[in-house]
Amino acid sequence: MNIRTLLMPDKPQNIFPEASDFSRCPELEVFKCLDQQNIKYSTETHLPTHTVAESSILKSEISGGHTKNLFLKDKKGQLVLISAWAHTEIRLNQLHKLIESQRLSFAKPQLLWETLKVTAGSVSAFALMHDTQNRVRFLADEKLLDFEMLNFHPLRNDMTTSISQKGFARFIESTGRGLEWIDFNEI
């Protein structure tokens, strides 16, 4: 192996950023997309949060429906993104029956990056703007209908963007999808 082989391997490297590397400013793409559609939003900066438990302090400071987001893959390769109310219990071992898919499991971080251009811990419905081939089926928790304002990470977990329910619906439609509401209490 010579130095040329080390510097320029025959196969391209599939590199994705560290979960905490936001130097590419992914939120700016989200804000640009929302601005282009005249969707009003507000964004708060905070310490990074990776779990619903870590983000519990935000709930008292930012009003509205806080979300958790799951990027899943079934055994046949179908990709699913779920945006659910932070406190909704999602039974993955039963969900596939409700949505008529194969058994679901969490997708690998590399697939998340390749498909939605977002790192683990920062995924939200806003990432659908990167799924130009509509590979990802999007499911929204019916419980979110109880809130006038909804809160999502703008593709980084040290910020929370609040958007109206109506604005959220317009954003989802702009990605070439309809809103598919799921009652997770049915499973």
N, C-alpha and C. Protein backbone atom coordinates (compact mmCIF):
# COMPACT_ATOMS: atom_id res chain seq x y z
N MET A 1 0.85 -1.17 0.00
CA MET A 1 0.00 0.00 0.00
C MET A 1 0.89 1.23 0.00
N ASN A 2 0.65 2.14 -0.92
CA ASN A 2 1.45 3.37 -0.97
C ASN A 2 0.66 4.54 -0.40
N ILE A 3 1.30 5.68 -0.32
CA ILE A 3 0.65 6.84 0.28
C ILE A 3 -0.56 7.29 -0.54
N ARG A 4 -0.51 7.12 -1.85
CA ARG A 4 -1.65 7.50 -2.70
C ARG A 4 -2.88 6.67 -2.32
N THR A 5 -2.69 5.40 -2.06
CA THR A 5 -3.80 4.54 -1.67
C THR A 5 -4.41 5.01 -0.35
N LEU A 6 -3.56 5.44 0.57
CA LEU A 6 -4.06 5.91 1.86
C LEU A 6 -4.85 7.21 1.73
N LEU A 7 -4.36 8.09 0.88
CA LEU A 7 -5.00 9.39 0.74
C LEU A 7 -6.21 9.37 -0.18
N MET A 8 -6.19 8.48 -1.16
CA MET A 8 -7.27 8.42 -2.13
C MET A 8 -7.72 6.98 -2.32
N PRO A 9 -8.43 6.44 -1.37
CA PRO A 9 -8.86 5.05 -1.49
C PRO A 9 -9.75 4.86 -2.71
N ASP A 10 -9.74 3.62 -3.24
CA ASP A 10 -10.55 3.30 -4.41
C ASP A 10 -12.03 3.48 -4.13
N LYS A 11 -12.45 3.12 -2.95
CA LYS A 11 -13.86 3.24 -2.59
C LYS A 11 -14.08 4.53 -1.81
N PRO A 12 -15.11 5.30 -2.18
CA PRO A 12 -15.37 6.53 -1.43
C PRO A 12 -15.75 6.22 0.01
N GLN A 13 -15.29 7.04 0.90
CA GLN A 13 -15.61 6.88 2.31
C GLN A 13 -16.98 7.49 2.58
N ASN A 14 -17.81 6.78 3.30
CA ASN A 14 -19.13 7.31 3.64
C ASN A 14 -19.03 7.90 5.04
N ILE A 15 -18.72 9.16 5.09
CA ILE A 15 -18.44 9.83 6.36
C ILE A 15 -19.63 10.70 6.74
N PHE A 16 -20.02 10.61 7.99
CA PHE A 16 -21.05 11.51 8.48
C PHE A 16 -20.55 12.17 9.76
N PRO A 17 -21.06 13.36 10.07
CA PRO A 17 -20.54 14.11 11.21
C PRO A 17 -20.87 13.47 12.56
N GLU A 18 -20.09 13.85 13.54
CA GLU A 18 -20.38 13.45 14.91
C GLU A 18 -21.73 14.05 15.32
N ALA A 19 -22.41 13.39 16.23
CA ALA A 19 -23.73 13.85 16.65
C ALA A 19 -23.70 15.26 17.24
N SER A 20 -22.57 15.66 17.79
CA SER A 20 -22.49 16.99 18.41
C SER A 20 -21.82 18.03 17.51
N ASP A 21 -21.53 17.68 16.25
CA ASP A 21 -20.88 18.60 15.32
C ASP A 21 -21.94 19.34 14.51
N PHE A 22 -22.18 20.58 14.88
CA PHE A 22 -23.17 21.39 14.17
C PHE A 22 -22.51 22.50 13.37
N SER A 23 -21.23 22.32 13.03
CA SER A 23 -20.50 23.35 12.30
C SER A 23 -21.11 23.63 10.93
N ARG A 24 -21.88 22.69 10.41
CA ARG A 24 -22.52 22.89 9.11
C ARG A 24 -23.81 23.70 9.23
N CYS A 25 -24.20 24.08 10.45
CA CYS A 25 -25.39 24.92 10.73
C CYS A 25 -26.65 24.38 10.06
N PRO A 26 -27.07 23.16 10.40
CA PRO A 26 -28.24 22.57 9.74
C PRO A 26 -29.52 23.35 9.97
N GLU A 27 -29.60 24.10 11.06
CA GLU A 27 -30.80 24.86 11.35
C GLU A 27 -31.09 25.93 10.29
N LEU A 28 -30.04 26.43 9.65
CA LEU A 28 -30.23 27.49 8.65
C LEU A 28 -31.06 27.01 7.47
N GLU A 29 -30.89 25.75 7.08
CA GLU A 29 -31.71 25.19 6.00
C GLU A 29 -33.17 25.11 6.42
N VAL A 30 -33.41 24.74 7.67
CA VAL A 30 -34.78 24.66 8.18
C VAL A 30 -35.40 26.05 8.17
N PHE A 31 -34.69 27.03 8.70
CA PHE A 31 -35.22 28.38 8.77
C PHE A 31 -35.50 28.94 7.37
N LYS A 32 -34.60 28.68 6.45
CA LYS A 32 -34.78 29.14 5.07
C LYS A 32 -36.05 28.53 4.46
N CYS A 33 -36.23 27.25 4.67
CA CYS A 33 -37.42 26.55 4.16
C CYS A 33 -38.69 27.14 4.76
N LEU A 34 -38.70 27.36 6.06
CA LEU A 34 -39.88 27.93 6.72
C LEU A 34 -40.13 29.35 6.25
N ASP A 35 -39.07 30.13 6.12
CA ASP A 35 -39.20 31.51 5.64
C ASP A 35 -39.77 31.56 4.22
N GLN A 36 -39.30 30.67 3.36
CA GLN A 36 -39.78 30.65 1.97
C GLN A 36 -41.27 30.35 1.89
N GLN A 37 -41.79 29.64 2.88
CA GLN A 37 -43.21 29.29 2.90
C GLN A 37 -44.03 30.23 3.79
N ASN A 38 -43.37 31.28 4.28
CA ASN A 38 -44.02 32.24 5.18
C ASN A 38 -44.64 31.55 6.40
N ILE A 39 -43.93 30.57 6.93
CA ILE A 39 -44.37 29.88 8.14
C ILE A 39 -43.66 30.53 9.32
N LYS A 40 -44.44 31.02 10.27
CA LYS A 40 -43.87 31.67 11.44
C LYS A 40 -43.33 30.62 12.41
N TYR A 41 -42.24 30.97 13.06
CA TYR A 41 -41.60 30.06 14.01
C TYR A 41 -40.77 30.89 14.98
N SER A 42 -40.41 30.28 16.08
CA SER A 42 -39.45 30.88 17.01
C SER A 42 -38.53 29.77 17.47
N THR A 43 -37.30 30.14 17.77
CA THR A 43 -36.30 29.14 18.15
C THR A 43 -35.58 29.57 19.42
N GLU A 44 -35.42 28.63 20.32
CA GLU A 44 -34.69 28.84 21.57
C GLU A 44 -33.42 27.98 21.54
N THR A 45 -32.34 28.55 22.05
CA THR A 45 -31.08 27.81 22.18
C THR A 45 -30.98 27.32 23.63
N HIS A 46 -30.44 26.12 23.80
CA HIS A 46 -30.33 25.52 25.13
C HIS A 46 -29.20 24.49 25.13
N LEU A 47 -28.95 23.90 26.26
CA LEU A 47 -27.96 22.82 26.33
C LEU A 47 -28.43 21.66 25.47
N PRO A 48 -27.52 20.89 24.89
CA PRO A 48 -27.93 19.74 24.07
C PRO A 48 -28.76 18.75 24.89
N THR A 49 -29.80 18.23 24.25
CA THR A 49 -30.63 17.20 24.86
C THR A 49 -30.68 16.01 23.92
N HIS A 50 -30.51 14.83 24.47
CA HIS A 50 -30.50 13.61 23.66
C HIS A 50 -31.72 12.73 23.92
N THR A 51 -32.38 12.96 25.05
CA THR A 51 -33.52 12.13 25.42
C THR A 51 -34.66 13.01 25.92
N VAL A 52 -35.85 12.43 25.99
CA VAL A 52 -37.00 13.14 26.54
C VAL A 52 -36.73 13.54 27.99
N ALA A 53 -36.09 12.66 28.75
CA ALA A 53 -35.79 12.96 30.15
C ALA A 53 -34.87 14.18 30.26
N GLU A 54 -33.85 14.24 29.41
CA GLU A 54 -32.94 15.38 29.44
C GLU A 54 -33.64 16.68 29.07
N SER A 55 -34.64 16.60 28.24
CA SER A 55 -35.31 17.81 27.78
C SER A 55 -36.45 18.25 28.69
N SER A 56 -36.67 17.56 29.79
CA SER A 56 -37.81 17.87 30.65
C SER A 56 -37.78 19.29 31.19
N ILE A 57 -36.61 19.84 31.42
CA ILE A 57 -36.52 21.22 31.92
C ILE A 57 -37.04 22.22 30.89
N LEU A 58 -36.94 21.88 29.62
CA LEU A 58 -37.41 22.78 28.56
C LEU A 58 -38.92 22.94 28.59
N LYS A 59 -39.60 21.91 29.01
CA LYS A 59 -41.06 21.92 28.97
C LYS A 59 -41.65 23.05 29.81
N SER A 60 -40.95 23.43 30.87
CA SER A 60 -41.45 24.53 31.69
C SER A 60 -41.09 25.89 31.09
N GLU A 61 -40.08 25.92 30.23
CA GLU A 61 -39.63 27.18 29.64
C GLU A 61 -40.19 27.44 28.25
N ILE A 62 -40.54 26.40 27.52
CA ILE A 62 -41.05 26.53 26.15
C ILE A 62 -42.43 25.88 26.12
N SER A 63 -43.46 26.66 25.85
CA SER A 63 -44.81 26.10 25.86
C SER A 63 -45.09 25.34 24.57
N GLY A 64 -46.12 24.52 24.61
CA GLY A 64 -46.53 23.76 23.43
C GLY A 64 -46.27 22.28 23.60
N GLY A 65 -46.54 21.54 22.54
CA GLY A 65 -46.34 20.10 22.54
C GLY A 65 -44.91 19.74 22.19
N HIS A 66 -44.21 19.20 23.14
CA HIS A 66 -42.83 18.77 22.90
C HIS A 66 -42.86 17.39 22.26
N THR A 67 -41.93 17.16 21.36
CA THR A 67 -41.96 15.93 20.58
C THR A 67 -40.74 15.06 20.82
N LYS A 68 -40.94 13.79 20.53
CA LYS A 68 -39.83 12.86 20.38
C LYS A 68 -39.96 12.31 18.97
N ASN A 69 -38.84 11.96 18.39
CA ASN A 69 -38.83 11.55 16.99
C ASN A 69 -38.02 10.28 16.84
N LEU A 70 -38.59 9.31 16.16
CA LEU A 70 -37.96 8.00 15.99
C LEU A 70 -37.79 7.71 14.50
N PHE A 71 -36.58 7.31 14.12
CA PHE A 71 -36.30 6.92 12.75
C PHE A 71 -36.15 5.40 12.74
N LEU A 72 -37.05 4.73 12.02
CA LEU A 72 -37.16 3.28 12.07
C LEU A 72 -37.02 2.67 10.69
N LYS A 73 -36.74 1.37 10.70
CA LYS A 73 -36.63 0.61 9.46
C LYS A 73 -37.30 -0.73 9.69
N ASP A 74 -38.06 -1.20 8.70
CA ASP A 74 -38.64 -2.52 8.87
C ASP A 74 -37.77 -3.56 8.16
N LYS A 75 -38.14 -4.82 8.29
CA LYS A 75 -37.32 -5.91 7.76
C LYS A 75 -37.19 -5.88 6.24
N LYS A 76 -38.13 -5.22 5.56
CA LYS A 76 -38.06 -5.12 4.10
C LYS A 76 -37.36 -3.84 3.65
N GLY A 77 -36.90 -3.04 4.60
CA GLY A 77 -36.17 -1.83 4.26
C GLY A 77 -37.01 -0.57 4.20
N GLN A 78 -38.32 -0.67 4.49
CA GLN A 78 -39.15 0.53 4.52
C GLN A 78 -38.70 1.41 5.67
N LEU A 79 -38.56 2.70 5.41
CA LEU A 79 -38.13 3.66 6.43
C LEU A 79 -39.33 4.43 6.95
N VAL A 80 -39.34 4.66 8.26
CA VAL A 80 -40.45 5.34 8.92
C VAL A 80 -39.88 6.37 9.89
N LEU A 81 -40.41 7.58 9.83
CA LEU A 81 -40.09 8.61 10.82
C LEU A 81 -41.37 8.92 11.58
N ILE A 82 -41.26 8.87 12.90
CA ILE A 82 -42.40 9.17 13.77
C ILE A 82 -42.10 10.43 14.56
N SER A 83 -43.06 11.36 14.56
CA SER A 83 -43.02 12.50 15.48
C SER A 83 -44.19 12.30 16.43
N ALA A 84 -43.86 12.15 17.70
CA ALA A 84 -44.88 11.87 18.71
C ALA A 84 -44.74 12.84 19.87
N TRP A 85 -45.83 13.00 20.60
CA TRP A 85 -45.77 13.77 21.83
C TRP A 85 -44.73 13.13 22.74
N ALA A 86 -43.97 13.94 23.43
CA ALA A 86 -42.85 13.46 24.23
C ALA A 86 -43.22 12.36 25.21
N HIS A 87 -44.48 12.34 25.68
CA HIS A 87 -44.88 11.36 26.69
C HIS A 87 -45.68 10.18 26.14
N THR A 88 -45.82 10.12 24.84
CA THR A 88 -46.55 9.01 24.23
C THR A 88 -45.71 7.74 24.29
N GLU A 89 -46.34 6.66 24.70
CA GLU A 89 -45.67 5.36 24.69
C GLU A 89 -45.84 4.75 23.30
N ILE A 90 -44.72 4.39 22.69
CA ILE A 90 -44.76 3.79 21.36
C ILE A 90 -44.27 2.36 21.48
N ARG A 91 -45.16 1.43 21.23
CA ARG A 91 -44.82 0.01 21.33
C ARG A 91 -44.35 -0.49 19.96
N LEU A 92 -43.05 -0.45 19.76
CA LEU A 92 -42.50 -0.86 18.46
C LEU A 92 -42.85 -2.29 18.10
N ASN A 93 -42.95 -3.14 19.12
CA ASN A 93 -43.25 -4.55 18.84
C ASN A 93 -44.68 -4.76 18.35
N GLN A 94 -45.52 -3.74 18.45
CA GLN A 94 -46.91 -3.83 17.98
C GLN A 94 -47.22 -2.86 16.84
N LEU A 95 -46.43 -1.81 16.72
CA LEU A 95 -46.71 -0.75 15.76
C LEU A 95 -46.81 -1.26 14.32
N HIS A 96 -45.97 -2.21 13.97
CA HIS A 96 -45.97 -2.70 12.59
C HIS A 96 -47.34 -3.24 12.17
N LYS A 97 -48.09 -3.79 13.11
CA LYS A 97 -49.43 -4.30 12.79
C LYS A 97 -50.37 -3.15 12.44
N LEU A 98 -50.30 -2.08 13.21
CA LEU A 98 -51.17 -0.93 12.99
C LEU A 98 -50.89 -0.26 11.65
N ILE A 99 -49.62 -0.17 11.27
CA ILE A 99 -49.28 0.54 10.03
C ILE A 99 -49.04 -0.42 8.86
N GLU A 100 -49.32 -1.70 9.09
CA GLU A 100 -49.22 -2.73 8.05
C GLU A 100 -47.83 -2.77 7.40
N SER A 101 -46.83 -2.95 8.24
CA SER A 101 -45.46 -3.10 7.76
C SER A 101 -44.86 -4.34 8.41
N GLN A 102 -43.62 -4.59 8.11
CA GLN A 102 -42.87 -5.65 8.78
C GLN A 102 -42.44 -5.12 10.16
N ARG A 103 -41.88 -5.98 10.98
CA ARG A 103 -41.41 -5.56 12.30
C ARG A 103 -40.41 -4.42 12.17
N LEU A 104 -40.52 -3.48 13.09
CA LEU A 104 -39.71 -2.26 13.04
C LEU A 104 -38.61 -2.28 14.10
N SER A 105 -37.50 -1.65 13.76
CA SER A 105 -36.42 -1.44 14.71
C SER A 105 -35.76 -0.10 14.39
N PHE A 106 -34.95 0.38 15.31
CA PHE A 106 -34.27 1.65 15.08
C PHE A 106 -33.28 1.51 13.93
N ALA A 107 -33.29 2.48 13.04
CA ALA A 107 -32.36 2.48 11.91
C ALA A 107 -30.98 2.91 12.40
N LYS A 108 -29.97 2.49 11.69
CA LYS A 108 -28.59 2.83 12.04
C LYS A 108 -28.32 4.32 11.78
N PRO A 109 -27.44 4.93 12.58
CA PRO A 109 -27.11 6.35 12.40
C PRO A 109 -26.62 6.69 10.98
N GLN A 110 -25.88 5.78 10.38
CA GLN A 110 -25.39 6.06 9.03
C GLN A 110 -26.55 6.15 8.03
N LEU A 111 -27.55 5.29 8.16
CA LEU A 111 -28.72 5.35 7.28
C LEU A 111 -29.50 6.64 7.53
N LEU A 112 -29.60 7.04 8.78
CA LEU A 112 -30.25 8.30 9.12
C LEU A 112 -29.56 9.46 8.40
N TRP A 113 -28.24 9.47 8.45
CA TRP A 113 -27.48 10.54 7.79
C TRP A 113 -27.64 10.48 6.26
N GLU A 114 -27.52 9.28 5.70
CA GLU A 114 -27.62 9.14 4.25
C GLU A 114 -29.00 9.54 3.73
N THR A 115 -30.04 9.27 4.50
CA THR A 115 -31.41 9.52 4.05
C THR A 115 -31.91 10.91 4.38
N LEU A 116 -31.66 11.37 5.60
CA LEU A 116 -32.25 12.62 6.07
C LEU A 116 -31.23 13.71 6.41
N LYS A 117 -29.95 13.41 6.26
CA LYS A 117 -28.88 14.40 6.51
C LYS A 117 -28.97 15.00 7.91
N VAL A 118 -29.19 14.12 8.88
CA VAL A 118 -29.24 14.54 10.28
C VAL A 118 -28.60 13.45 11.13
N THR A 119 -28.04 13.84 12.25
CA THR A 119 -27.39 12.88 13.13
C THR A 119 -28.35 12.43 14.23
N ALA A 120 -28.05 11.29 14.81
CA ALA A 120 -28.87 10.73 15.89
C ALA A 120 -28.95 11.75 17.03
N GLY A 121 -30.12 11.86 17.62
CA GLY A 121 -30.34 12.80 18.71
C GLY A 121 -30.86 14.14 18.24
N SER A 122 -30.81 14.39 16.94
CA SER A 122 -31.28 15.67 16.40
C SER A 122 -32.38 15.52 15.37
N VAL A 123 -32.80 14.29 15.11
CA VAL A 123 -33.81 14.06 14.08
C VAL A 123 -35.15 14.66 14.48
N SER A 124 -35.84 15.19 13.50
CA SER A 124 -37.21 15.69 13.68
C SER A 124 -37.89 15.69 12.32
N ALA A 125 -39.15 16.06 12.32
CA ALA A 125 -39.90 16.13 11.06
C ALA A 125 -39.24 17.08 10.07
N PHE A 126 -38.51 18.07 10.55
CA PHE A 126 -37.83 19.00 9.64
C PHE A 126 -36.85 18.29 8.72
N ALA A 127 -36.33 17.14 9.13
CA ALA A 127 -35.36 16.40 8.30
C ALA A 127 -36.00 15.88 7.02
N LEU A 128 -37.32 15.82 6.97
CA LEU A 128 -37.99 15.33 5.76
C LEU A 128 -37.69 16.20 4.55
N MET A 129 -37.26 17.44 4.76
CA MET A 129 -36.91 18.31 3.64
C MET A 129 -35.75 17.73 2.83
N HIS A 130 -34.97 16.84 3.43
CA HIS A 130 -33.84 16.22 2.74
C HIS A 130 -34.21 14.92 2.03
N ASP A 131 -35.39 14.42 2.28
CA ASP A 131 -35.84 13.16 1.66
C ASP A 131 -36.56 13.48 0.35
N THR A 132 -35.79 13.89 -0.63
CA THR A 132 -36.37 14.32 -1.91
C THR A 132 -36.94 13.16 -2.73
N GLN A 133 -36.56 11.94 -2.38
CA GLN A 133 -37.08 10.76 -3.10
C GLN A 133 -38.29 10.15 -2.38
N ASN A 134 -38.72 10.77 -1.30
CA ASN A 134 -39.85 10.27 -0.50
C ASN A 134 -39.69 8.80 -0.12
N ARG A 135 -38.51 8.46 0.35
CA ARG A 135 -38.25 7.09 0.82
C ARG A 135 -38.84 6.85 2.20
N VAL A 136 -39.07 7.93 2.95
CA VAL A 136 -39.46 7.82 4.35
C VAL A 136 -40.96 8.04 4.51
N ARG A 137 -41.60 7.10 5.16
CA ARG A 137 -43.01 7.25 5.52
C ARG A 137 -43.06 8.03 6.83
N PHE A 138 -43.88 9.08 6.87
CA PHE A 138 -43.95 9.92 8.05
C PHE A 138 -45.25 9.69 8.80
N LEU A 139 -45.15 9.45 10.10
CA LEU A 139 -46.31 9.25 10.97
C LEU A 139 -46.28 10.30 12.09
N ALA A 140 -47.42 10.91 12.34
CA ALA A 140 -47.53 11.90 13.41
C ALA A 140 -48.52 11.40 14.46
N ASP A 141 -48.18 11.62 15.69
CA ASP A 141 -49.00 11.21 16.83
C ASP A 141 -50.25 12.09 16.91
N GLU A 142 -51.42 11.48 16.96
CA GLU A 142 -52.68 12.23 17.09
C GLU A 142 -52.69 13.14 18.31
N LYS A 143 -51.94 12.77 19.33
CA LYS A 143 -51.88 13.58 20.56
C LYS A 143 -51.36 15.00 20.26
N LEU A 144 -50.57 15.16 19.20
CA LEU A 144 -50.05 16.48 18.85
C LEU A 144 -51.17 17.44 18.44
N LEU A 145 -52.32 16.89 18.05
CA LEU A 145 -53.46 17.73 17.69
C LEU A 145 -54.01 18.50 18.89
N ASP A 146 -53.63 18.10 20.10
CA ASP A 146 -54.08 18.77 21.32
C ASP A 146 -53.34 20.08 21.58
N PHE A 147 -52.30 20.36 20.80
CA PHE A 147 -51.45 21.53 21.06
C PHE A 147 -51.51 22.50 19.89
N GLU A 148 -51.62 23.78 20.22
CA GLU A 148 -51.60 24.82 19.19
C GLU A 148 -50.19 24.97 18.62
N MET A 149 -49.19 24.90 19.49
CA MET A 149 -47.79 25.03 19.08
C MET A 149 -47.08 23.70 19.30
N LEU A 150 -46.20 23.35 18.35
CA LEU A 150 -45.43 22.11 18.42
C LEU A 150 -43.94 22.46 18.43
N ASN A 151 -43.16 21.66 19.14
CA ASN A 151 -41.73 21.93 19.31
C ASN A 151 -40.88 20.79 18.76
N PHE A 152 -39.92 21.17 17.92
CA PHE A 152 -39.02 20.20 17.28
C PHE A 152 -37.60 20.75 17.30
N HIS A 153 -36.62 19.86 17.27
CA HIS A 153 -35.24 20.28 17.04
C HIS A 153 -35.12 20.70 15.58
N PRO A 154 -34.46 21.83 15.32
CA PRO A 154 -34.22 22.22 13.92
C PRO A 154 -32.96 21.53 13.38
N LEU A 155 -32.92 20.21 13.50
CA LEU A 155 -31.84 19.33 13.05
C LEU A 155 -30.57 19.47 13.88
N ARG A 156 -30.71 20.02 15.06
CA ARG A 156 -29.63 20.03 16.06
C ARG A 156 -30.28 20.03 17.43
N ASN A 157 -29.68 19.30 18.36
CA ASN A 157 -30.34 19.08 19.65
C ASN A 157 -30.01 20.11 20.72
N ASP A 158 -29.42 21.23 20.32
CA ASP A 158 -29.20 22.31 21.28
C ASP A 158 -30.09 23.51 20.95
N MET A 159 -31.12 23.26 20.15
CA MET A 159 -32.12 24.28 19.81
C MET A 159 -33.49 23.62 19.74
N THR A 160 -34.51 24.41 20.02
CA THR A 160 -35.89 23.96 19.86
C THR A 160 -36.64 25.02 19.07
N THR A 161 -37.29 24.58 18.01
CA THR A 161 -38.08 25.48 17.17
C THR A 161 -39.56 25.19 17.40
N SER A 162 -40.30 26.26 17.69
CA SER A 162 -41.75 26.16 17.90
C SER A 162 -42.45 26.62 16.63
N ILE A 163 -43.45 25.85 16.24
CA ILE A 163 -44.19 26.11 15.01
C ILE A 163 -45.66 25.79 15.27
N SER A 164 -46.55 26.55 14.65
CA SER A 164 -47.98 26.27 14.85
C SER A 164 -48.34 24.95 14.20
N GLN A 165 -49.43 24.38 14.66
CA GLN A 165 -49.90 23.13 14.07
C GLN A 165 -50.19 23.31 12.58
N LYS A 166 -50.77 24.45 12.23
CA LYS A 166 -51.06 24.75 10.83
C LYS A 166 -49.76 24.88 10.02
N GLY A 167 -48.78 25.56 10.58
CA GLY A 167 -47.48 25.69 9.93
C GLY A 167 -46.80 24.34 9.75
N PHE A 168 -46.93 23.50 10.76
CA PHE A 168 -46.38 22.14 10.69
C PHE A 168 -46.99 21.37 9.53
N ALA A 169 -48.32 21.45 9.40
CA ALA A 169 -49.00 20.75 8.30
C ALA A 169 -48.53 21.27 6.95
N ARG A 170 -48.37 22.59 6.83
CA ARG A 170 -47.88 23.16 5.57
C ARG A 170 -46.46 22.70 5.27
N PHE A 171 -45.62 22.64 6.31
CA PHE A 171 -44.25 22.16 6.10
C PHE A 171 -44.25 20.72 5.59
N ILE A 172 -45.00 19.85 6.25
CA ILE A 172 -45.04 18.44 5.84
C ILE A 172 -45.53 18.32 4.40
N GLU A 173 -46.57 19.05 4.06
CA GLU A 173 -47.09 19.01 2.68
C GLU A 173 -46.04 19.49 1.68
N SER A 174 -45.19 20.43 2.08
CA SER A 174 -44.14 20.93 1.18
C SER A 174 -43.09 19.87 0.86
N THR A 175 -43.06 18.81 1.66
CA THR A 175 -42.10 17.72 1.40
C THR A 175 -42.69 16.65 0.48
N GLY A 176 -43.90 16.90 0.00
CA GLY A 176 -44.55 15.95 -0.91
C GLY A 176 -45.31 14.85 -0.20
N ARG A 177 -45.66 15.08 1.06
CA ARG A 177 -46.38 14.08 1.85
C ARG A 177 -47.66 14.67 2.40
N GLY A 178 -48.56 13.79 2.75
CA GLY A 178 -49.71 14.19 3.55
C GLY A 178 -49.40 13.84 4.99
N LEU A 179 -50.18 14.38 5.90
CA LEU A 179 -50.00 14.03 7.30
C LEU A 179 -50.76 12.74 7.59
N GLU A 180 -50.05 11.76 8.08
CA GLU A 180 -50.64 10.47 8.44
C GLU A 180 -50.67 10.42 9.97
N TRP A 181 -51.85 10.67 10.55
CA TRP A 181 -52.00 10.72 12.01
C TRP A 181 -52.24 9.31 12.54
N ILE A 182 -51.57 8.99 13.64
CA ILE A 182 -51.67 7.67 14.27
C ILE A 182 -52.07 7.85 15.73
N ASP A 183 -53.02 7.04 16.17
CA ASP A 183 -53.39 7.01 17.59
C ASP A 183 -52.59 5.87 18.22
N PHE A 184 -51.51 6.22 18.90
CA PHE A 184 -50.64 5.21 19.49
C PHE A 184 -51.28 4.49 20.67
N ASN A 185 -52.40 5.00 21.16
CA ASN A 185 -53.13 4.31 22.22
C ASN A 185 -53.85 3.08 21.69
N GLU A 186 -53.99 2.96 20.38
CA GLU A 186 -54.65 1.79 19.78
C GLU A 186 -53.79 0.54 19.84
N ILE A 187 -52.52 0.70 20.15
CA ILE A 187 -51.64 -0.48 20.16
C ILE A 187 -51.16 -0.79 21.56
